[in-house]
C-alpha cells in the first residue's frame, strides 16, 4: 500500500509539472503582448508674423569741436524722433541712449591716422509691437538721409524681431502634433497587422522659434515635436 501511495503521489506531481510547463508559453505570450508598443513622433510647424521689434537707429559724426558735435547730435536726435513719431511710433516706445564719445588723441594706437579728433556715436532705440509701421519706416530711411543723417548698417544696428504670442498658439500646435503622431502610429499598426491601443507614455518637446529665412526675420517659424508611445494589440 505504501508503494502504491508513493507512486500515486509521484504521478500527481508529474502531472502538475506538465500542466505548469504547458501554461508557461501562454503566460509569456500574454506578457509580451502587454508590452508591445510603438514609439512615434508628431511634428507641427507654423509660420507666424513677428509681434515685436527692437530697432536701434545708430549713426556716427566726427569733428574737432566737441560742443558743435553735441549740438549736431541733439539736432539729429530730434529729427530721428520726429521721423519715428510721424511714422506712427509713440513717444513711450522711443529711447535715446547716452552717446559714446571717442577721443582719438587719447588712443595709444593709430591715433594720428584720423582726420578728426572726436567721434560721437548716438543711438535711438524703438521697442514696439507695431512691426508693420517699423518695416515701413525702414523703407523710408531716405527721409533721414535728406537731413544729412546716415544710419549705421552693422550687426549691432540691425532690428531684432521676435514672437511673444507663443502661449496663444501652443494648445492647437500640441493638438496637431499629437494627431500627426497618432496617424504615424496607426499606419505602423496597420502595416504590422495590429490594432492601435492607448497611449502608454507621451512627452512634449520644446518649442523652437526661428527666422523663416535670413531675408525675412519678421516672419517666424514655430516648431514642436511630441514623442508618444502607443500600445499594440493583436
C-alpha atoms as a PDB file:
ATOM      1  CA  UNK A   1       0.000   0.000   0.000  1.00  0.00           C
ATOM      2  CA  UNK A   2       2.793   2.346   0.881  1.00  0.00           C
ATOM      3  CA  UNK A   3       4.486   1.794  -2.519  1.00  0.00           C
ATOM      4  CA  UNK A   4       1.186   2.338  -4.292  1.00  0.00           C
ATOM      5  CA  UNK A   5       0.686   5.602  -2.365  1.00  0.00           C
ATOM      6  CA  UNK A   6       4.137   6.843  -3.284  1.00  0.00           C
ATOM      7  CA  UNK A   7       3.503   6.009  -6.935  1.00  0.00           C
ATOM      8  CA  UNK A   8       0.235   7.936  -6.995  1.00  0.00           C
ATOM      9  CA  UNK A   9       1.855  10.911  -5.262  1.00  0.00           C
ATOM     10  CA  UNK A  10       4.702  10.942  -7.763  1.00  0.00           C
ATOM     11  CA  UNK A  11       2.257  10.664 -10.647  1.00  0.00           C
ATOM     12  CA  UNK A  12       0.273  13.612  -9.319  1.00  0.00           C
ATOM     13  CA  UNK A  13       3.433  15.721  -9.046  1.00  0.00           C
ATOM     14  CA  UNK A  14       4.459  14.807 -12.582  1.00  0.00           C
ATOM     15  CA  UNK A  15       1.034  15.733 -13.971  1.00  0.00           C
ATOM     16  CA  UNK A  16       1.219  19.055 -12.133  1.00  0.00           C
ATOM     17  CA  UNK A  17       4.643  19.840 -13.577  1.00  0.00           C
ATOM     18  CA  UNK A  18       3.413  19.028 -17.065  1.00  0.00           C
ATOM     19  CA  UNK A  19       0.427  21.374 -16.670  1.00  0.00           C
ATOM     20  CA  UNK A  20       2.680  24.172 -15.439  1.00  0.00           C
ATOM     21  CA  UNK A  21       5.057  23.649 -18.353  1.00  0.00           C
ATOM     22  CA  UNK A  22       2.207  23.785 -20.840  1.00  0.00           C
ATOM     23  CA  UNK A  23       0.857  27.005 -19.358  1.00  0.00           C
ATOM     24  CA  UNK A  24       4.199  28.876 -19.424  1.00  0.00           C
ATOM     25  CA  UNK A  25       4.220  29.679 -23.185  1.00  0.00           C
ATOM     26  CA  UNK A  26       0.725  31.089 -22.965  1.00  0.00           C
ATOM     27  CA  UNK A  27       1.677  33.256 -19.979  1.00  0.00           C
ATOM     28  CA  UNK A  28       4.773  34.502 -21.781  1.00  0.00           C
ATOM     29  CA  UNK A  29       2.721  35.390 -24.854  1.00  0.00           C
ATOM     30  CA  UNK A  30       0.281  37.354 -22.755  1.00  0.00           C
ATOM     31  CA  UNK A  31       3.127  39.172 -21.030  1.00  0.00           C
ATOM     32  CA  UNK A  32       4.854  40.025 -24.305  1.00  0.00           C
ATOM     33  CA  UNK A  33       1.579  41.141 -25.810  1.00  0.00           C
ATOM     34  CA  UNK A  34       1.041  43.568 -22.963  1.00  0.00           C
ATOM     35  CA  UNK A  35       4.471  45.092 -23.590  1.00  0.00           C
ATOM     36  CA  UNK A  36       4.123  45.596 -27.338  1.00  0.00           C
ATOM     37  CA  UNK A  37       4.432  49.294 -28.080  1.00  0.00           C
ATOM     38  CA  UNK A  38       5.264  51.634 -30.921  1.00  0.00           C
ATOM     39  CA  UNK A  39       7.110  54.915 -30.358  1.00  0.00           C
ATOM     40  CA  UNK A  40       6.348  57.740 -32.774  1.00  0.00           C
ATOM     41  CA  UNK A  41       6.990  61.446 -33.151  1.00  0.00           C
ATOM     42  CA  UNK A  42       4.492  64.075 -34.162  1.00  0.00           C
ATOM     43  CA  UNK A  43       5.652  67.308 -35.772  1.00  0.00           C
ATOM     44  CA  UNK A  44       3.831  70.599 -36.085  1.00  0.00           C
ATOM     45  CA  UNK A  45       5.255  73.703 -37.763  1.00  0.00           C
ATOM     46  CA  UNK A  46       3.610  77.067 -38.141  1.00  0.00           C
ATOM     47  CA  UNK A  47       4.685  80.352 -39.726  1.00  0.00           C
ATOM     48  CA  UNK A  48       3.667  83.466 -37.833  1.00  0.00           C
ATOM     49  CA  UNK A  49       4.445  87.176 -38.180  1.00  0.00           C
ATOM     50  CA  UNK A  50       6.693  88.721 -35.538  1.00  0.00           C
ATOM     51  CA  UNK A  51       4.729  90.679 -32.959  1.00  0.00           C
ATOM     52  CA  UNK A  52       7.578  92.763 -31.513  1.00  0.00           C
ATOM     53  CA  UNK A  53      10.593  94.579 -32.888  1.00  0.00           C
ATOM     54  CA  UNK A  54      13.548  96.366 -31.337  1.00  0.00           C
ATOM     55  CA  UNK A  55      15.209  98.733 -33.804  1.00  0.00           C
ATOM     56  CA  UNK A  56      18.356 100.628 -32.842  1.00  0.00           C
ATOM     57  CA  UNK A  57      18.900 103.636 -35.095  1.00  0.00           C
ATOM     58  CA  UNK A  58      22.615 104.404 -34.836  1.00  0.00           C
ATOM     59  CA  UNK A  59      24.762 106.995 -36.523  1.00  0.00           C
ATOM     60  CA  UNK A  60      28.233 108.480 -36.053  1.00  0.00           C
ATOM     61  CA  UNK A  61      29.536 112.028 -36.504  1.00  0.00           C
ATOM     62  CA  UNK A  62      33.112 113.268 -36.261  1.00  0.00           C
ATOM     63  CA  UNK A  63      34.820 116.613 -35.719  1.00  0.00           C
ATOM     64  CA  UNK A  64      37.298 118.599 -33.666  1.00  0.00           C
ATOM     65  CA  UNK A  65      34.792 120.813 -31.816  1.00  0.00           C
ATOM     66  CA  UNK A  66      33.028 118.729 -29.179  1.00  0.00           C
ATOM     67  CA  UNK A  67      30.479 121.474 -28.424  1.00  0.00           C
ATOM     68  CA  UNK A  68      29.487 121.660 -32.074  1.00  0.00           C
ATOM     69  CA  UNK A  69      29.243 117.881 -32.239  1.00  0.00           C
ATOM     70  CA  UNK A  70      26.878 117.848 -29.275  1.00  0.00           C
ATOM     71  CA  UNK A  71      24.670 120.432 -30.931  1.00  0.00           C
ATOM     72  CA  UNK A  72      24.630 118.408 -34.169  1.00  0.00           C
ATOM     73  CA  UNK A  73      23.820 115.249 -32.248  1.00  0.00           C
ATOM     74  CA  UNK A  74      20.877 116.862 -30.461  1.00  0.00           C
ATOM     75  CA  UNK A  75      19.565 118.161 -33.777  1.00  0.00           C
ATOM     76  CA  UNK A  76      19.904 114.718 -35.384  1.00  0.00           C
ATOM     77  CA  UNK A  77      18.186 113.011 -32.451  1.00  0.00           C
ATOM     78  CA  UNK A  78      15.293 115.448 -32.694  1.00  0.00           C
ATOM     79  CA  UNK A  79      14.961 114.752 -36.425  1.00  0.00           C
ATOM     80  CA  UNK A  80      15.034 110.982 -35.811  1.00  0.00           C
ATOM     81  CA  UNK A  81      12.373 111.224 -33.127  1.00  0.00           C
ATOM     82  CA  UNK A  82      10.169 113.353 -35.386  1.00  0.00           C
ATOM     83  CA  UNK A  83      10.664 110.824 -38.193  1.00  0.00           C
ATOM     84  CA  UNK A  84       9.583 107.975 -35.939  1.00  0.00           C
ATOM     85  CA  UNK A  85       6.575 109.745 -34.490  1.00  0.00           C
ATOM     86  CA  UNK A  86       5.403 110.754 -37.957  1.00  0.00           C
ATOM     87  CA  UNK A  87       5.532 107.051 -38.841  1.00  0.00           C
ATOM     88  CA  UNK A  88       3.193 106.094 -36.005  1.00  0.00           C
ATOM     89  CA  UNK A  89       5.630 105.316 -33.196  1.00  0.00           C
ATOM     90  CA  UNK A  90       4.635 106.622 -29.750  1.00  0.00           C
ATOM     91  CA  UNK A  91       6.925 108.705 -27.553  1.00  0.00           C
ATOM     92  CA  UNK A  92       6.901 105.933 -24.924  1.00  0.00           C
ATOM     93  CA  UNK A  93       8.312 103.494 -27.478  1.00  0.00           C
ATOM     94  CA  UNK A  94      11.388 105.636 -28.221  1.00  0.00           C
ATOM     95  CA  UNK A  95      14.542 105.710 -26.095  1.00  0.00           C
ATOM     96  CA  UNK A  96      17.623 107.858 -26.672  1.00  0.00           C
ATOM     97  CA  UNK A  97      20.791 106.409 -25.173  1.00  0.00           C
ATOM     98  CA  UNK A  98      23.790 108.244 -23.781  1.00  0.00           C
ATOM     99  CA  UNK A  99      26.238 108.976 -26.624  1.00  0.00           C
ATOM    100  CA  UNK A 100      29.509 107.117 -26.993  1.00  0.00           C
ATOM    101  CA  UNK A 101      32.378 109.605 -27.478  1.00  0.00           C
ATOM    102  CA  UNK A 102      35.853 108.621 -28.642  1.00  0.00           C
ATOM    103  CA  UNK A 103      38.874 110.921 -28.378  1.00  0.00           C
ATOM    104  CA  UNK A 104      41.498 109.568 -30.765  1.00  0.00           C
ATOM    105  CA  UNK A 105      44.205 111.726 -29.148  1.00  0.00           C
ATOM    106  CA  UNK A 106      43.939 109.512 -26.070  1.00  0.00           C
ATOM    107  CA  UNK A 107      44.244 106.261 -28.019  1.00  0.00           C
ATOM    108  CA  UNK A 108      47.588 104.523 -27.886  1.00  0.00           C
ATOM    109  CA  UNK A 109      47.491 103.053 -31.385  1.00  0.00           C
ATOM    110  CA  UNK A 110      46.506 104.687 -34.661  1.00  0.00           C
ATOM    111  CA  UNK A 111      45.521 107.990 -33.065  1.00  0.00           C
ATOM    112  CA  UNK A 112      47.275 110.193 -35.594  1.00  0.00           C
ATOM    113  CA  UNK A 113      45.867 108.471 -38.679  1.00  0.00           C
ATOM    114  CA  UNK A 114      42.412 110.005 -38.437  1.00  0.00           C
ATOM    115  CA  UNK A 115      41.246 113.323 -39.761  1.00  0.00           C
ATOM    116  CA  UNK A 116      39.118 114.381 -36.748  1.00  0.00           C
ATOM    117  CA  UNK A 117      39.789 114.200 -33.053  1.00  0.00           C
ATOM    118  CA  UNK A 118      36.317 113.237 -31.793  1.00  0.00           C
ATOM    119  CA  UNK A 119      33.869 110.581 -32.966  1.00  0.00           C
ATOM    120  CA  UNK A 120      30.384 110.597 -31.444  1.00  0.00           C
ATOM    121  CA  UNK A 121      28.149 107.550 -31.810  1.00  0.00           C
ATOM    122  CA  UNK A 122      24.491 108.094 -30.950  1.00  0.00           C
ATOM    123  CA  UNK A 123      21.674 105.551 -30.673  1.00  0.00           C
ATOM    124  CA  UNK A 124      17.901 105.973 -30.607  1.00  0.00           C
ATOM    125  CA  UNK A 125      16.050 102.708 -29.987  1.00  0.00           C
ATOM    126  CA  UNK A 126      12.491 101.790 -30.878  1.00  0.00           C
ATOM    127  CA  UNK A 127      10.801  98.984 -28.945  1.00  0.00           C
ATOM    128  CA  UNK A 128       7.258  98.337 -30.135  1.00  0.00           C
ATOM    129  CA  UNK A 129       4.714  95.765 -31.281  1.00  0.00           C
ATOM    130  CA  UNK A 130       3.932  97.888 -34.348  1.00  0.00           C
ATOM    131  CA  UNK A 131       6.032  95.744 -36.625  1.00  0.00           C
ATOM    132  CA  UNK A 132       4.343  96.878 -39.839  1.00  0.00           C
ATOM    133  CA  UNK A 133       4.987 100.540 -39.023  1.00  0.00           C
ATOM    134  CA  UNK A 134       8.658  99.875 -38.309  1.00  0.00           C
ATOM    135  CA  UNK A 135       9.021  97.996 -41.602  1.00  0.00           C
ATOM    136  CA  UNK A 136       7.504 100.986 -43.404  1.00  0.00           C
ATOM    137  CA  UNK A 137       9.882 103.369 -41.622  1.00  0.00           C
ATOM    138  CA  UNK A 138      12.850 101.208 -42.576  1.00  0.00           C
ATOM    139  CA  UNK A 139      11.824 101.547 -46.218  1.00  0.00           C
ATOM    140  CA  UNK A 140      11.635 105.335 -45.847  1.00  0.00           C
ATOM    141  CA  UNK A 141      15.086 105.979 -44.370  1.00  0.00           C
ATOM    142  CA  UNK A 142      15.754 108.288 -47.305  1.00  0.00           C
ATOM    143  CA  UNK A 143      13.802 110.924 -45.341  1.00  0.00           C
ATOM    144  CA  UNK A 144      16.663 110.938 -42.818  1.00  0.00           C
ATOM    145  CA  UNK A 145      19.355 110.918 -45.493  1.00  0.00           C
ATOM    146  CA  UNK A 146      17.877 114.123 -46.899  1.00  0.00           C
ATOM    147  CA  UNK A 147      18.545 115.662 -43.488  1.00  0.00           C
ATOM    148  CA  UNK A 148      22.146 114.506 -43.546  1.00  0.00           C
ATOM    149  CA  UNK A 149      21.631 111.517 -41.219  1.00  0.00           C
ATOM    150  CA  UNK A 150      23.080 108.235 -42.435  1.00  0.00           C
ATOM    151  CA  UNK A 151      22.242 105.297 -40.195  1.00  0.00           C
ATOM    152  CA  UNK A 152      24.840 102.635 -39.499  1.00  0.00           C
ATOM    153  CA  UNK A 153      24.243  99.212 -41.053  1.00  0.00           C
ATOM    154  CA  UNK A 154      26.388  96.990 -38.819  1.00  0.00           C
ATOM    155  CA  UNK A 155      25.180  93.909 -36.960  1.00  0.00           C
ATOM    156  CA  UNK A 156      24.615  95.834 -33.730  1.00  0.00           C
ATOM    157  CA  UNK A 157      22.273  98.251 -35.506  1.00  0.00           C
ATOM    158  CA  UNK A 158      20.021  95.693 -37.168  1.00  0.00           C
ATOM    159  CA  UNK A 159      16.440  95.302 -35.954  1.00  0.00           C
ATOM    160  CA  UNK A 160      15.535  92.313 -33.806  1.00  0.00           C
ATOM    161  CA  UNK A 161      12.154  90.731 -34.477  1.00  0.00           C
ATOM    162  CA  UNK A 162      10.527  88.357 -32.014  1.00  0.00           C
ATOM    163  CA  UNK A 163       7.295  86.461 -31.458  1.00  0.00           C
ATOM    164  CA  UNK A 164       5.837  86.672 -27.961  1.00  0.00           C
ATOM    165  CA  UNK A 165       2.409  85.174 -28.592  1.00  0.00           C
ATOM    166  CA  UNK A 166       3.505  81.555 -28.202  1.00  0.00           C
ATOM    167  CA  UNK A 167       1.020  80.781 -25.418  1.00  0.00           C
ATOM    168  CA  UNK A 168      -1.884  81.642 -27.720  1.00  0.00           C
ATOM    169  CA  UNK A 169      -0.937  79.001 -30.301  1.00  0.00           C
ATOM    170  CA  UNK A 170       0.561  76.324 -28.030  1.00  0.00           C
ATOM    171  CA  UNK A 171      -2.645  74.276 -27.466  1.00  0.00           C
ATOM    172  CA  UNK A 172      -3.543  73.970 -31.152  1.00  0.00           C
ATOM    173  CA  UNK A 173       0.041  73.130 -32.120  1.00  0.00           C
ATOM    174  CA  UNK A 174       0.308  70.405 -29.464  1.00  0.00           C
ATOM    175  CA  UNK A 175      -3.037  69.005 -30.621  1.00  0.00           C
ATOM    176  CA  UNK A 176      -1.859  68.954 -34.240  1.00  0.00           C
ATOM    177  CA  UNK A 177       1.469  67.330 -33.330  1.00  0.00           C
ATOM    178  CA  UNK A 178      -0.356  64.644 -31.319  1.00  0.00           C
ATOM    179  CA  UNK A 179      -2.709  63.946 -34.236  1.00  0.00           C
ATOM    180  CA  UNK A 180       0.252  63.540 -36.553  1.00  0.00           C
ATOM    181  CA  UNK A 181       1.893  61.167 -34.078  1.00  0.00           C
ATOM    182  CA  UNK A 182      -1.263  59.042 -33.876  1.00  0.00           C
ATOM    183  CA  UNK A 183      -1.511  58.912 -37.677  1.00  0.00           C
ATOM    184  CA  UNK A 184       2.047  57.564 -37.860  1.00  0.00           C
ATOM    185  CA  UNK A 185       1.314  55.003 -35.129  1.00  0.00           C
ATOM    186  CA  UNK A 186      -1.896  53.917 -36.873  1.00  0.00           C
ATOM    187  CA  UNK A 187      -0.014  53.389 -40.142  1.00  0.00           C
ATOM    188  CA  UNK A 188       2.549  51.243 -38.327  1.00  0.00           C
ATOM    189  CA  UNK A 189      -0.195  49.208 -36.652  1.00  0.00           C
ATOM    190  CA  UNK A 190      -1.999  48.642 -39.957  1.00  0.00           C
ATOM    191  CA  UNK A 191       1.202  47.569 -41.693  1.00  0.00           C
ATOM    192  CA  UNK A 192       2.037  45.123 -38.899  1.00  0.00           C
ATOM    193  CA  UNK A 193      -1.482  43.644 -38.690  1.00  0.00           C
ATOM    194  CA  UNK A 194      -2.054  45.026 -35.190  1.00  0.00           C
ATOM    195  CA  UNK A 195      -4.632  47.188 -33.513  1.00  0.00           C
ATOM    196  CA  UNK A 196      -3.578  50.514 -32.025  1.00  0.00           C
ATOM    197  CA  UNK A 197      -4.169  50.747 -28.309  1.00  0.00           C
ATOM    198  CA  UNK A 198      -3.994  53.527 -25.743  1.00  0.00           C
ATOM    199  CA  UNK A 199      -1.196  55.999 -25.120  1.00  0.00           C
ATOM    200  CA  UNK A 200       1.295  54.482 -22.698  1.00  0.00           C
ATOM    201  CA  UNK A 201       3.574  57.492 -22.451  1.00  0.00           C
ATOM    202  CA  UNK A 202       3.793  60.958 -24.022  1.00  0.00           C
ATOM    203  CA  UNK A 203       6.420  63.684 -23.882  1.00  0.00           C
ATOM    204  CA  UNK A 204       6.008  67.182 -25.233  1.00  0.00           C
ATOM    205  CA  UNK A 205       9.101  68.515 -26.923  1.00  0.00           C
ATOM    206  CA  UNK A 206      10.470  72.030 -26.672  1.00  0.00           C
ATOM    207  CA  UNK A 207       9.007  74.770 -28.783  1.00  0.00           C
ATOM    208  CA  UNK A 208      11.523  76.491 -31.046  1.00  0.00           C
ATOM    209  CA  UNK A 209      11.103  79.852 -32.773  1.00  0.00           C
ATOM    210  CA  UNK A 210      13.418  80.735 -35.637  1.00  0.00           C
ATOM    211  CA  UNK A 211      13.510  83.117 -38.555  1.00  0.00           C
ATOM    212  CA  UNK A 212      11.863  81.621 -41.612  1.00  0.00           C
ATOM    213  CA  UNK A 213      14.944  82.705 -43.555  1.00  0.00           C
ATOM    214  CA  UNK A 214      17.727  85.278 -43.360  1.00  0.00           C
ATOM    215  CA  UNK A 215      15.923  87.741 -45.635  1.00  0.00           C
ATOM    216  CA  UNK A 216      12.628  87.898 -43.717  1.00  0.00           C
ATOM    217  CA  UNK A 217      13.386  87.906 -39.977  1.00  0.00           C
ATOM    218  CA  UNK A 218       9.942  89.424 -39.409  1.00  0.00           C
ATOM    219  CA  UNK A 219       8.406  86.037 -40.278  1.00  0.00           C
ATOM    220  CA  UNK A 220       8.967  83.307 -37.703  1.00  0.00           C
ATOM    221  CA  UNK A 221       8.751  79.527 -37.898  1.00  0.00           C
ATOM    222  CA  UNK A 222       7.415  77.914 -34.722  1.00  0.00           C
ATOM    223  CA  UNK A 223       8.115  74.192 -34.322  1.00  0.00           C
ATOM    224  CA  UNK A 224       7.245  71.497 -31.772  1.00  0.00           C
ATOM    225  CA  UNK A 225       7.754  67.725 -31.714  1.00  0.00           C
ATOM    226  CA  UNK A 226       5.843  65.359 -29.419  1.00  0.00           C
ATOM    227  CA  UNK A 227       7.034  61.843 -28.538  1.00  0.00           C
ATOM    228  CA  UNK A 228       4.248  59.317 -27.937  1.00  0.00           C
ATOM    229  CA  UNK A 229       4.286  55.602 -27.079  1.00  0.00           C
ATOM    230  CA  UNK A 230       1.174  53.595 -28.052  1.00  0.00           C
ATOM    231  CA  UNK A 231       0.333  50.035 -27.077  1.00  0.00           C
ATOM    232  CA  UNK A 232      -0.281  47.492 -29.823  1.00  0.00           C
ATOM    233  CA  UNK A 233      -2.825  44.673 -29.711  1.00  0.00           C
ATOM    234  CA  UNK A 234      -3.156  41.540 -31.800  1.00  0.00           C
END
